[in-house]
Protein backbone atom coordinates (compact mmCIF):
# COMPACT_ATOMS: atom_id res chain seq x y z
CA MET A 1 -26.88 36.13 -15.07
CA THR A 2 -30.67 35.46 -14.30
CA ILE A 3 -31.74 36.14 -10.58
CA ASN A 4 -32.93 32.90 -8.99
CA ARG A 5 -36.64 33.78 -7.16
CA ALA A 6 -36.27 30.67 -5.06
CA ALA A 7 -33.04 31.82 -3.56
CA ILE A 8 -33.75 35.45 -3.41
CA PHE A 9 -37.21 34.58 -1.55
CA ALA A 10 -35.15 32.18 0.49
CA ALA A 11 -32.26 34.71 1.82
CA LEU A 12 -35.15 37.37 2.67
CA PHE A 13 -37.21 34.91 4.80
CA LEU A 14 -33.99 33.93 6.34
CA TRP A 15 -32.72 37.33 7.15
CA ALA A 16 -36.07 38.52 8.86
CA MET A 17 -36.15 35.54 10.86
CA LEU A 18 -32.32 36.31 11.83
CA GLY A 19 -33.08 39.89 12.36
CA ARG A 20 -36.11 39.39 14.34
CA ALA A 21 -33.73 37.04 16.58
CA ALA A 22 -31.12 39.57 16.85
CA ALA A 23 -33.40 42.77 17.39
CA GLU A 24 -34.24 44.13 20.46
CA ASP A 25 -36.94 45.54 22.34
CA VAL A 26 -37.32 49.21 22.73
CA THR A 27 -40.33 51.54 24.00
CA LEU A 28 -40.55 54.66 22.24
CA THR A 29 -42.50 57.72 24.48
CA SER A 30 -43.27 61.13 23.63
CA ARG A 31 -42.07 63.82 25.65
CA ASP A 32 -45.32 64.49 27.26
CA GLY A 33 -45.73 60.88 28.00
CA SER A 34 -48.89 60.44 26.19
CA VAL A 35 -47.96 58.23 23.52
CA GLU A 36 -46.28 55.06 23.96
CA ILE A 37 -45.19 52.61 21.27
CA THR A 38 -43.44 49.30 22.09
CA GLY A 39 -41.49 46.81 19.21
CA ASN A 40 -38.47 45.87 17.52
CA LEU A 41 -35.97 48.26 16.20
CA LEU A 42 -35.16 47.87 13.17
CA SER A 43 -32.93 50.54 12.35
CA PHE A 44 -31.67 54.43 13.56
CA ASP A 45 -30.54 56.72 11.06
CA GLY A 46 -29.41 59.40 13.52
CA GLU A 47 -33.10 60.95 13.35
CA PHE A 48 -35.56 58.57 12.90
CA TYR A 49 -36.26 54.90 14.76
CA ARG A 50 -37.53 52.30 12.35
CA VAL A 51 -39.81 49.74 14.52
CA ASP A 52 -41.42 46.64 14.24
CA THR A 53 -44.44 47.13 16.10
CA VAL A 54 -48.03 45.38 16.41
CA TYR A 55 -49.35 48.37 14.28
CA GLY A 56 -46.60 47.20 11.58
CA VAL A 57 -43.13 48.75 10.69
CA LEU A 58 -43.65 52.62 12.26
CA THR A 59 -40.65 55.52 11.66
CA LEU A 60 -40.59 57.94 14.22
CA ASP A 61 -38.81 60.74 14.68
CA GLY A 62 -35.65 60.68 17.20
CA THR A 63 -36.32 64.59 18.67
CA GLY A 64 -39.92 63.60 19.75
CA VAL A 65 -39.50 60.34 21.55
CA ILE A 66 -37.74 59.09 24.88
CA CYS A 67 -36.03 55.90 24.02
CA ASP A 68 -36.07 53.15 26.48
CA GLY A 69 -34.73 49.04 26.33
CA PRO A 70 -32.03 47.47 25.37
CA GLY A 71 -32.27 48.00 21.79
CA CYS A 72 -31.75 51.87 22.49
CA PRO A 73 -29.11 53.01 20.62
CA ASP A 74 -26.11 55.61 21.68
CA LEU A 75 -27.30 59.06 20.42
CA THR A 76 -24.22 60.64 21.37
CA ALA A 77 -22.24 57.91 19.37
CA PHE A 78 -23.82 57.49 15.88
CA VAL A 79 -21.86 56.13 13.34
CA ALA A 80 -23.78 56.06 9.83
CA GLU A 81 -23.55 53.15 8.41
CA VAL A 82 -23.83 51.57 4.11
CA THR A 83 -23.19 49.32 2.23
CA PHE A 84 -22.98 50.06 -1.84
CA SER A 85 -22.92 46.84 -3.85
CA GLY A 86 -22.59 46.14 -7.71
CA SER A 87 -21.26 47.34 -10.78
CA ARG A 88 -16.96 46.89 -10.71
CA THR A 89 -17.20 49.38 -13.28
CA MET A 90 -18.58 51.94 -10.51
CA GLY A 91 -16.75 50.70 -7.34
CA GLU A 92 -13.15 50.26 -8.22
CA VAL A 93 -12.18 54.20 -9.21
CA LEU A 94 -15.50 56.32 -9.77
CA MET A 95 -17.09 55.88 -5.83
CA PRO A 96 -13.63 55.35 -4.03
CA ALA A 97 -12.60 59.06 -5.88
CA LEU A 98 -16.12 60.55 -4.50
CA VAL A 99 -15.71 59.13 -1.66
CA GLU A 100 -11.97 60.68 -0.92
CA ALA A 101 -13.03 63.86 -2.25
CA PHE A 102 -16.37 64.50 -0.16
CA ALA A 103 -14.55 63.56 3.03
CA ALA A 104 -12.16 66.10 2.07
CA ARG A 105 -14.65 68.65 1.22
CA ASN A 106 -16.36 68.28 4.06
CA GLY A 107 -13.48 68.10 7.10
CA PHE A 108 -13.71 64.46 7.76
CA GLY A 109 -10.69 61.89 8.41
CA ILE A 110 -10.74 59.04 6.11
CA GLU A 111 -9.12 55.58 5.88
CA ARG A 112 -9.78 52.85 3.63
CA LYS A 113 -9.76 49.16 4.52
CA VAL A 114 -9.45 46.47 2.33
CA THR A 115 -11.04 43.05 3.37
CA SER A 116 -10.98 41.21 -0.23
CA ASP A 117 -10.73 41.51 -3.63
CA THR A 118 -14.09 42.54 -4.25
CA GLU A 119 -14.76 44.22 -0.53
CA PHE A 120 -13.17 47.33 0.44
CA SER A 121 -14.62 49.85 3.40
CA TYR A 122 -13.92 53.37 4.43
CA LEU A 123 -14.01 54.40 8.19
CA LEU A 124 -14.87 58.68 8.08
CA THR A 125 -14.20 60.42 11.18
CA ASP A 126 -14.39 63.85 12.72
CA LEU A 127 -11.12 65.81 12.60
CA ALA A 128 -12.04 67.85 15.47
CA SER A 129 -13.13 65.24 17.81
CA GLY A 130 -11.93 62.10 16.14
CA ALA A 131 -15.14 60.19 16.68
CA GLU A 132 -16.26 57.81 14.15
CA ALA A 133 -19.10 59.56 11.67
CA ALA A 134 -19.59 56.81 9.14
CA ARG A 135 -18.25 53.03 7.37
CA LEU A 136 -18.82 53.20 3.94
CA GLY A 137 -18.93 49.61 2.65
CA PHE A 138 -18.46 48.22 -0.56
CA ARG A 139 -18.99 45.15 -2.83
CA VAL A 140 -17.79 45.28 -6.37
CA THR A 141 -18.77 42.61 -8.37
CA SER A 142 -21.20 42.91 -10.90
CA THR A 143 -24.70 44.82 -11.09
CA SER A 144 -26.80 41.85 -10.88
CA GLU A 145 -24.82 40.77 -7.73
CA GLY A 146 -25.64 44.48 -6.33
CA PHE A 147 -29.59 44.08 -6.49
CA ALA A 148 -29.42 40.69 -5.54
CA ASP A 149 -27.54 42.18 -2.08
CA LEU A 150 -30.37 44.33 -1.87
CA LEU A 151 -33.22 42.23 -2.26
CA ALA A 152 -31.43 39.73 0.48
CA ASN A 153 -30.96 43.03 2.60
CA GLU A 154 -27.15 42.73 2.32
CA ALA A 155 -26.63 46.14 0.37
CA ASP A 156 -28.22 49.53 1.07
CA ILE A 157 -27.51 50.80 -2.65
CA VAL A 158 -27.01 49.11 -5.87
CA LEU A 159 -24.44 50.55 -8.20
CA SER A 160 -25.34 49.72 -11.46
CA ALA A 161 -24.22 50.08 -14.85
CA ARG A 162 -27.96 49.80 -16.41
CA PRO A 163 -31.52 50.17 -15.98
CA ALA A 164 -32.98 47.86 -12.99
CA THR A 165 -34.18 45.20 -14.86
CA PRO A 166 -38.64 44.18 -15.17
CA GLN A 167 -37.55 41.17 -12.73
CA GLU A 168 -35.56 43.00 -10.46
CA ILE A 169 -38.27 45.91 -9.84
CA ALA A 170 -40.85 43.09 -9.65
CA LEU A 171 -38.79 41.12 -6.63
CA ALA A 172 -38.12 44.47 -5.15
CA ARG A 173 -41.82 45.24 -4.93
CA GLU A 174 -42.37 41.82 -3.51
CA ALA A 175 -39.94 42.28 -0.60
CA GLY A 176 -41.15 45.64 0.57
CA ILE A 177 -37.89 47.43 -1.20
CA GLY A 178 -40.15 50.07 -2.98
CA ASP A 179 -40.62 50.77 -7.37
CA LEU A 180 -37.27 50.55 -8.26
CA SER A 181 -38.85 52.23 -11.67
CA ASN A 182 -39.70 55.19 -9.93
CA PRO A 183 -36.97 58.06 -10.93
CA ARG A 184 -36.91 58.97 -6.70
CA ARG A 185 -35.33 55.44 -6.69
CA SER A 186 -32.46 55.80 -8.72
CA ARG A 187 -29.89 59.19 -9.48
CA ILE A 188 -27.59 59.15 -12.56
CA VAL A 189 -23.99 60.20 -11.25
CA ALA A 190 -21.82 59.96 -14.43
CA LEU A 191 -22.23 58.78 -17.84
CA ASP A 192 -20.36 56.27 -19.74
CA ALA A 193 -20.91 54.26 -22.90
CA MET A 194 -20.50 50.76 -24.68
CA VAL A 195 -17.63 51.04 -27.07
CA PRO A 196 -16.41 48.14 -29.67
CA VAL A 197 -13.15 47.82 -29.50
CA VAL A 198 -10.08 45.89 -31.51
CA ALA A 199 -6.70 46.04 -31.75
CA ALA A 200 -4.91 49.12 -33.22
CA ALA A 201 -3.18 47.17 -36.08
CA ASN A 202 -6.99 46.24 -37.39
CA LYS A 203 -7.91 48.10 -40.39
CA LEU A 204 -11.45 48.03 -40.05
CA ASP A 205 -12.81 51.45 -38.66
CA GLY A 206 -16.23 50.72 -37.75
CA LEU A 207 -19.63 48.65 -37.95
CA THR A 208 -23.10 49.25 -38.00
CA ILE A 209 -25.43 48.30 -34.88
CA GLN A 210 -26.77 45.31 -37.08
CA GLY A 211 -23.16 44.76 -38.40
CA LEU A 212 -21.95 44.36 -34.65
CA ALA A 213 -25.10 42.06 -33.54
CA ARG A 214 -24.24 39.70 -36.80
CA VAL A 215 -20.68 39.92 -35.37
CA PHE A 216 -21.42 38.44 -31.64
CA SER A 217 -24.10 36.44 -32.81
CA GLY A 218 -21.82 34.38 -34.93
CA GLU A 219 -23.69 34.73 -38.13
CA VAL A 220 -19.91 36.81 -39.19
CA GLU A 221 -17.55 34.56 -37.79
CA ASN A 222 -14.70 35.27 -40.59
CA TRP A 223 -12.89 38.51 -40.73
CA THR A 224 -13.14 38.11 -44.53
CA SER A 225 -16.64 39.75 -44.21
CA LEU A 226 -15.54 42.53 -42.75
CA GLY A 227 -12.76 43.42 -45.11
CA GLY A 228 -9.93 41.36 -43.28
CA PRO A 229 -8.00 38.43 -43.60
CA ASP A 230 -8.99 34.66 -43.78
CA ALA A 231 -8.72 34.13 -40.08
CA PRO A 232 -11.92 33.74 -37.45
CA ILE A 233 -12.96 36.55 -35.49
CA SER A 234 -12.44 36.22 -32.02
CA LEU A 235 -14.97 37.94 -29.56
CA HIS A 236 -14.64 39.42 -25.65
CA LEU A 237 -16.74 40.22 -23.36
CA ARG A 238 -17.17 40.88 -19.80
CA ASP A 239 -18.76 38.39 -17.30
CA ASP A 240 -22.40 37.73 -17.79
CA ALA A 241 -23.36 39.27 -14.74
CA SER A 242 -21.75 42.85 -15.36
CA GLY A 243 -23.89 45.72 -16.44
CA ILE A 244 -22.36 46.36 -19.54
CA SER A 245 -22.76 42.40 -20.71
CA GLN A 246 -26.28 42.31 -20.16
CA ASP A 247 -27.11 46.15 -21.29
CA PHE A 248 -25.07 44.81 -24.79
CA VAL A 249 -27.23 41.74 -25.38
CA THR A 250 -30.12 43.74 -24.44
CA ARG A 251 -29.79 46.75 -26.56
CA VAL A 252 -27.65 45.47 -29.59
CA LEU A 253 -28.34 41.57 -29.83
CA SER A 254 -31.56 41.34 -28.48
CA LEU A 255 -33.20 44.31 -30.36
CA ASN A 256 -31.81 43.09 -33.40
CA ASP A 257 -33.50 39.48 -33.10
CA LYS A 258 -29.93 37.86 -32.39
CA GLU A 259 -28.83 36.06 -29.52
CA LEU A 260 -25.32 35.90 -28.38
CA ALA A 261 -22.73 32.93 -29.99
CA ASP A 262 -21.50 30.53 -27.56
CA GLY A 263 -17.51 30.63 -26.65
CA PRO A 264 -17.01 34.45 -26.05
CA THR A 265 -14.21 34.84 -24.27
CA ARG A 266 -15.15 35.97 -20.62
CA HIS A 267 -13.10 38.74 -18.55
CA LEU A 268 -13.98 40.05 -14.57
CA SER A 269 -12.46 43.16 -15.52
CA ASN A 270 -13.21 45.83 -18.44
CA ALA A 271 -9.55 46.34 -18.24
CA GLU A 272 -9.02 42.65 -19.01
CA VAL A 273 -11.29 43.08 -22.16
CA ALA A 274 -8.64 45.76 -23.62
CA ASP A 275 -6.11 44.85 -22.77
CA ALA A 276 -6.98 41.10 -24.59
CA VAL A 277 -7.91 42.94 -27.40
CA ALA A 278 -5.44 44.91 -28.01
CA ALA A 279 -2.87 41.86 -27.97
CA ASP A 280 -4.88 40.39 -30.72
CA THR A 281 -5.83 41.78 -34.48
CA LEU A 282 -8.09 38.88 -34.75
CA ALA A 283 -10.32 40.05 -31.56
CA ILE A 284 -12.93 42.28 -31.24
CA GLY A 285 -14.69 43.47 -27.82
CA ILE A 286 -16.89 45.15 -25.97
CA VAL A 287 -15.73 48.00 -23.21
CA PRO A 288 -16.96 51.52 -21.22
CA TYR A 289 -15.84 54.20 -23.00
CA SER A 290 -13.73 55.15 -19.67
CA ALA A 291 -11.71 51.77 -19.80
CA LEU A 292 -10.57 51.76 -23.60
CA GLY A 293 -7.13 51.58 -22.64
CA ASN A 294 -4.72 50.30 -25.59
CA ALA A 295 -7.44 49.28 -27.81
CA GLU A 296 -8.97 50.83 -30.83
CA PRO A 297 -12.34 52.24 -30.88
CA LEU A 298 -14.94 51.38 -33.46
CA LEU A 299 -17.46 53.93 -35.13
CA ILE A 300 -20.95 53.32 -35.43
CA LYS A 301 -21.51 53.44 -39.02
CA GLY A 302 -25.26 54.53 -40.33
CA PRO A 303 -26.32 52.35 -43.66
CA CYS A 304 -26.75 56.25 -44.86
CA GLY A 305 -23.11 57.07 -44.39
CA MET A 306 -23.80 59.36 -41.10
CA ASN A 307 -21.24 57.77 -38.75
CA SER A 308 -21.25 57.92 -34.68
CA ALA A 309 -17.61 58.19 -32.64
CA ALA A 310 -18.01 57.79 -28.85
CA ALA A 311 -17.08 60.88 -26.90
CA ASP A 312 -17.43 62.68 -23.98
CA ARG A 313 -19.86 65.68 -25.78
CA THR A 314 -21.69 62.61 -27.84
CA ILE A 315 -22.02 60.57 -24.98
CA LYS A 316 -23.45 63.83 -23.02
CA THR A 317 -26.13 64.62 -26.29
CA GLU A 318 -27.26 60.78 -26.74
CA ASP A 319 -25.98 61.30 -30.25
CA TYR A 320 -23.84 58.16 -29.81
CA PRO A 321 -26.35 55.28 -29.58
CA LEU A 322 -24.77 53.39 -27.41
CA THR A 323 -24.57 55.25 -23.96
CA MET A 324 -24.46 54.18 -20.54
CA PRO A 325 -25.82 55.97 -17.84
CA LEU A 326 -24.34 54.60 -14.69
CA PHE A 327 -26.74 54.51 -11.52
CA LEU A 328 -27.52 54.52 -7.66
CA TYR A 329 -30.49 52.45 -6.71
CA THR A 330 -31.11 53.16 -3.19
CA PRO A 331 -34.80 51.22 -1.57
CA ALA A 332 -37.67 53.51 0.07
CA ARG A 333 -36.31 54.24 3.36
CA ARG A 334 -34.48 56.74 5.11
CA LEU A 335 -30.61 56.50 4.84
CA PRO A 336 -28.49 58.19 7.73
CA VAL A 337 -28.33 61.70 7.19
CA LEU A 338 -24.61 61.68 5.93
CA VAL A 339 -25.13 59.36 3.62
CA ARG A 340 -27.96 61.64 2.05
CA GLU A 341 -25.71 64.64 2.08
CA PHE A 342 -22.99 62.23 0.26
CA LEU A 343 -25.55 61.31 -2.65
CA ALA A 344 -26.80 64.78 -2.91
CA TYR A 345 -22.69 65.91 -3.09
CA ALA A 346 -22.15 63.26 -5.74
CA ARG A 347 -24.26 64.86 -8.68
CA SER A 348 -23.46 68.31 -7.53
CA PRO A 349 -21.37 70.85 -9.44
CA ALA A 350 -18.50 70.17 -7.01
CA ALA A 351 -18.46 66.67 -7.71
CA GLN A 352 -18.03 66.81 -11.57
CA PRO A 353 -14.42 67.81 -11.62
CA VAL A 354 -13.81 64.50 -9.86
CA VAL A 355 -15.82 61.98 -11.97
CA GLY A 356 -14.16 63.55 -15.02
CA ARG A 357 -10.59 62.78 -13.67
CA ALA A 358 -11.54 59.53 -12.57
CA GLY A 359 -12.12 58.90 -15.93
CA PHE A 360 -16.04 59.10 -16.68
CA VAL A 361 -18.17 61.55 -18.84
CA ASP A 362 -19.47 64.02 -15.91
CA LEU A 363 -22.50 65.82 -15.70
CA ARG A 364 -21.19 69.84 -16.46
CA LEU A 365 -23.36 71.82 -18.62
CA GLU A 366 -21.29 73.04 -21.60
CA GLU A 367 -22.21 75.31 -24.16
CA VAL A 368 -21.72 74.78 -27.94
CA ALA A 369 -20.83 77.49 -30.24
CA VAL A 370 -22.53 77.47 -33.73
CA SER A 371 -19.01 77.31 -34.75
CA GLY A 372 -18.55 74.44 -33.31
CA GLN A 373 -21.89 72.32 -35.19
CA GLY A 374 -20.34 72.39 -38.75
CA GLY A 375 -21.04 68.86 -38.76
CA ARG A 376 -24.96 68.80 -37.71
CA LEU A 377 -25.21 71.96 -40.32
CA MET A 378 -23.59 69.64 -43.18
CA ASN A 379 -26.11 66.40 -42.58
CA ALA A 380 -29.43 69.08 -42.29
CA VAL A 381 -27.96 70.71 -46.09
CA ASP A 382 -26.92 66.88 -47.05
CA SER A 383 -30.72 65.68 -45.98
CA ALA A 384 -32.90 68.76 -47.39
CA GLY A 385 -34.94 67.27 -49.85
CA GLY A 386 -39.16 68.57 -50.81
CA GLU A 387 -40.40 67.86 -47.31
CA VAL A 388 -37.47 70.31 -45.84
CA PRO A 389 -37.18 73.18 -48.04
CA LEU A 390 -34.16 75.30 -48.15
CA THR A 391 -36.79 78.16 -46.63
CA GLU A 392 -36.74 76.13 -43.58
CA LEU A 393 -33.25 75.76 -43.37
CA GLN A 394 -32.72 79.17 -43.75
CA ARG A 395 -35.22 80.00 -40.52
CA MET A 396 -33.46 77.64 -38.39
CA VAL A 397 -30.03 79.33 -39.16
CA ARG A 398 -31.35 82.22 -38.40
CA GLU A 399 -32.73 80.54 -35.08
CA MET A 400 -29.35 79.38 -34.33
CA ARG A 401 -27.88 82.55 -34.65
CA GLY A 402 -26.27 84.10 -31.95
CA THR A 403 -27.05 81.10 -29.89
CA GLU A 404 -25.20 78.44 -28.40
CA ARG A 405 -26.30 74.31 -28.10
CA LEU A 406 -25.96 73.04 -24.31
CA SER A 407 -24.60 69.39 -24.06
CA LEU A 408 -27.33 67.89 -23.33
CA SER A 409 -30.53 67.11 -25.12
CA PHE A 410 -33.82 65.12 -24.13
CA ARG A 411 -34.64 61.46 -25.81
CA PHE A 412 -37.85 59.00 -25.38
CA LEU A 413 -38.64 55.98 -24.66
CA PRO A 414 -39.67 54.12 -27.18
CA GLY A 415 -43.50 54.14 -28.66
CA GLY A 416 -44.28 56.85 -26.60
CA THR A 417 -43.31 60.25 -25.18
CA GLN A 418 -41.93 59.16 -21.96
CA LEU A 419 -38.22 60.64 -21.26
CA ASP A 420 -35.94 57.62 -20.78
CA ALA A 421 -33.20 57.90 -18.03
CA GLN A 422 -30.56 59.73 -18.86
CA SER A 423 -33.13 62.59 -19.99
CA ARG A 424 -34.77 62.76 -16.61
CA SER A 425 -31.48 63.03 -15.31
CA ASN A 426 -30.93 66.30 -17.71
CA VAL A 427 -34.34 67.74 -16.24
CA ASP A 428 -33.03 67.86 -12.73
CA VAL A 429 -29.14 68.92 -14.27
CA LEU A 430 -30.85 72.11 -16.02
CA ALA A 431 -33.47 73.04 -13.55
CA GLY A 432 -30.54 73.02 -11.25
CA HIS A 433 -28.37 75.39 -13.23
CA LEU A 434 -31.99 77.58 -13.41
CA GLU A 435 -32.04 77.62 -9.51
CA ARG A 436 -28.67 79.17 -9.64
CA GLY A 437 -29.49 81.55 -11.80
CA ARG A 438 -26.90 80.79 -14.57
CA PHE A 439 -29.44 81.44 -17.35
CA ASP A 440 -30.86 84.24 -15.64
CA GLY A 441 -31.35 86.86 -18.18
CA ARG A 442 -30.54 84.81 -21.45
CA PRO A 443 -33.28 83.99 -23.84
CA MET A 444 -33.50 80.04 -24.20
CA VAL A 445 -35.33 77.83 -26.16
CA PHE A 446 -36.39 74.03 -26.43
CA VAL A 447 -36.04 73.05 -30.15
CA GLY A 448 -38.00 69.88 -30.89
CA PHE A 449 -36.66 67.31 -34.19
CA SER A 450 -38.15 64.67 -35.58
CA ASP A 451 -37.23 61.60 -37.80
CA GLY A 452 -38.47 61.14 -40.97
CA ASP A 453 -41.34 59.05 -40.88
CA GLY A 454 -43.98 60.40 -41.99
CA PRO A 455 -45.53 63.69 -43.22
CA ALA A 456 -43.36 66.39 -43.03
CA ALA A 457 -45.89 68.53 -41.66
CA ALA A 458 -47.41 66.08 -38.56
CA ASN A 459 -43.59 65.21 -37.14
CA GLN A 460 -43.46 69.09 -36.76
CA ARG A 461 -46.04 69.35 -34.86
CA LEU A 462 -45.03 66.30 -32.75
CA ALA A 463 -41.95 67.87 -32.38
CA LEU A 464 -42.95 70.66 -31.07
CA ARG A 465 -45.56 69.21 -28.71
CA ARG A 466 -42.52 67.41 -27.03
CA ALA A 467 -39.90 70.81 -26.45
CA GLU A 468 -43.45 72.05 -24.93
CA ALA A 469 -43.64 68.84 -22.25
CA VAL A 470 -39.74 69.30 -21.96
CA ARG A 471 -39.69 73.00 -20.88
CA ARG A 472 -42.92 72.07 -18.81
CA GLU A 473 -41.16 69.10 -17.07
CA VAL A 474 -37.55 71.52 -16.80
CA LEU A 475 -40.22 74.49 -14.76
CA ARG A 476 -41.34 72.37 -12.66
CA ALA A 477 -38.48 70.33 -11.44
CA ALA A 478 -37.30 74.45 -10.43
CA PRO A 479 -39.31 75.36 -8.77
CA ALA A 480 -36.72 78.17 -7.05
CA ALA A 481 -35.89 79.53 -10.69
CA ASP A 482 -36.74 83.28 -10.63
CA ARG A 483 -39.48 83.38 -13.22
CA ASP A 484 -39.03 86.96 -13.80
CA ARG A 485 -35.33 86.67 -14.92
CA LEU A 486 -36.22 83.58 -17.18
CA ASP A 487 -37.03 83.57 -20.80
CA LEU A 488 -37.92 80.31 -21.86
CA SER A 489 -39.53 79.49 -25.10
CA VAL A 490 -40.15 76.19 -27.63
CA GLU A 491 -39.23 76.00 -31.43
CA ALA A 492 -39.38 73.32 -33.96
CA PHE A 493 -38.05 71.81 -37.51
CA GLY A 494 -39.21 68.83 -37.65
CA GLU A 495 -36.92 66.56 -39.90
CA ALA A 496 -34.43 69.35 -40.80
CA MET A 497 -31.25 68.40 -38.94
CA PRO A 498 -30.51 64.67 -38.50
CA MET A 499 -28.48 63.29 -36.29
CA ALA A 500 -28.97 59.72 -37.47
CA CYS A 501 -29.82 57.50 -40.67
CA ASP A 502 -33.70 56.93 -40.79
CA GLU A 503 -33.35 53.84 -41.77
CA THR A 504 -32.43 51.95 -38.20
CA GLU A 505 -34.51 52.44 -35.53
CA TRP A 506 -31.56 53.27 -33.21
CA GLY A 507 -31.07 55.73 -35.73
CA LYS A 508 -34.94 57.07 -35.71
CA ARG A 509 -34.70 57.39 -31.70
CA ILE A 510 -31.40 59.63 -32.06
CA ASN A 511 -33.12 61.75 -34.49
CA ARG A 512 -36.50 62.12 -32.08
CA ARG A 513 -35.02 64.79 -29.83
CA VAL A 514 -35.79 67.72 -27.85
CA GLU A 515 -32.65 70.22 -28.01
CA VAL A 516 -31.80 73.64 -25.90
CA TRP A 517 -29.99 76.82 -27.64
CA VAL A 518 -28.96 79.21 -25.06
CA ALA A 519 -28.44 82.92 -26.18
CA GLN A 520 -24.51 83.76 -26.40
CA ARG A 521 -22.77 85.79 -23.38
């Protein structure tokens, strides 16, 4: 769904007028009486007042001022309130699981109230006193609607199954919400993936990305082109406002210069897509990995014979090409303390089992032994040639011996060395483990790889520079790590171990990566 700029600004104008009319005057006086600020109270988060004054919008520490006036909140009865809006994929299962686990972990009573098919809320209460602590509201419709609610000040946090679009970023800046492209404005709380699916009785086992684009653009309309019966292909997708549909159009169709065919069957939920495809041998659809249901997932095939299947590990490492991080976007304003504590919990190690039980791919860091990497080594041997001689493969195997690969990788946005969103999140994940001492005394190597374009020597140098850059970013993100107990080095093997076919752009992107190998315990 395209966001209507005029409608957004009309909503913002209306909200601003109603907000000013409803806001009540307050006077905030410093405790020594030397400073006095008067204005309309915009919000209070339990710690800080946000006031619209003649000097502009000011944020003042509540412990340093005395509040007087009809708008002053009751400091002893403050209730944190926040509204989440956006992705149905996240809002129906993932977020409720996290909220309920957070409440149990922190000693809150919890009550869920459903107000409609798309809206519900949680009331958190202090078990000792019975006092209300927080009201968490949820609107679960689509990613686009979540951003529209944020822009209209009807939501505080967006549940997003895709990165914010350039248009949404521009509108947020104009609305004073902040720069949504800034990594501090978003956090990844779980991982998912777009998966093409068919019915179990369908004999198709996989498609190339280009083949998938041709099917959903309508260029391939009959199953005979895919080795099936003489019958039209039935296309199934989520509604056009959903994050997974928009991401699919952007990353599969647009990147292959295709447009979505007219008339695919649209569904309001991922379960509906999976059920419809599972019941029709002539259907193909796109669903999240977390919602496969009874549908049969297809491989993503490469023209060189390297195939990729969606699995927890391939999604964590981004070796599967259609990974789909799940984001929480926040505006550039303070949120209540309890809400900030919940956001911190959602990415913490304690929350990861909850994410996994909810059916999503969690952010837990796994260590994969060399014995579990046979497929990768086969690719290395099969792809060896004049530019990757046997001596280089032998050097790589010697370096791998006695190590385990971590289940995260670092990849880059097209045309540069800037890390993609999932990789930026991986920086924080790995930095957190370094600060907690998980790898103290265990040598760790950041290993760079490249695609096969260009001279091997130049690719080797570029891969090494990328490994150095990632190591530097991780250390910068881990100021509390004990440097004396860390042994972090860099290495590069350039083209030596491809994960996908260089004949495709997505294959080149997958091959351009930095892995992390750590000594076995």
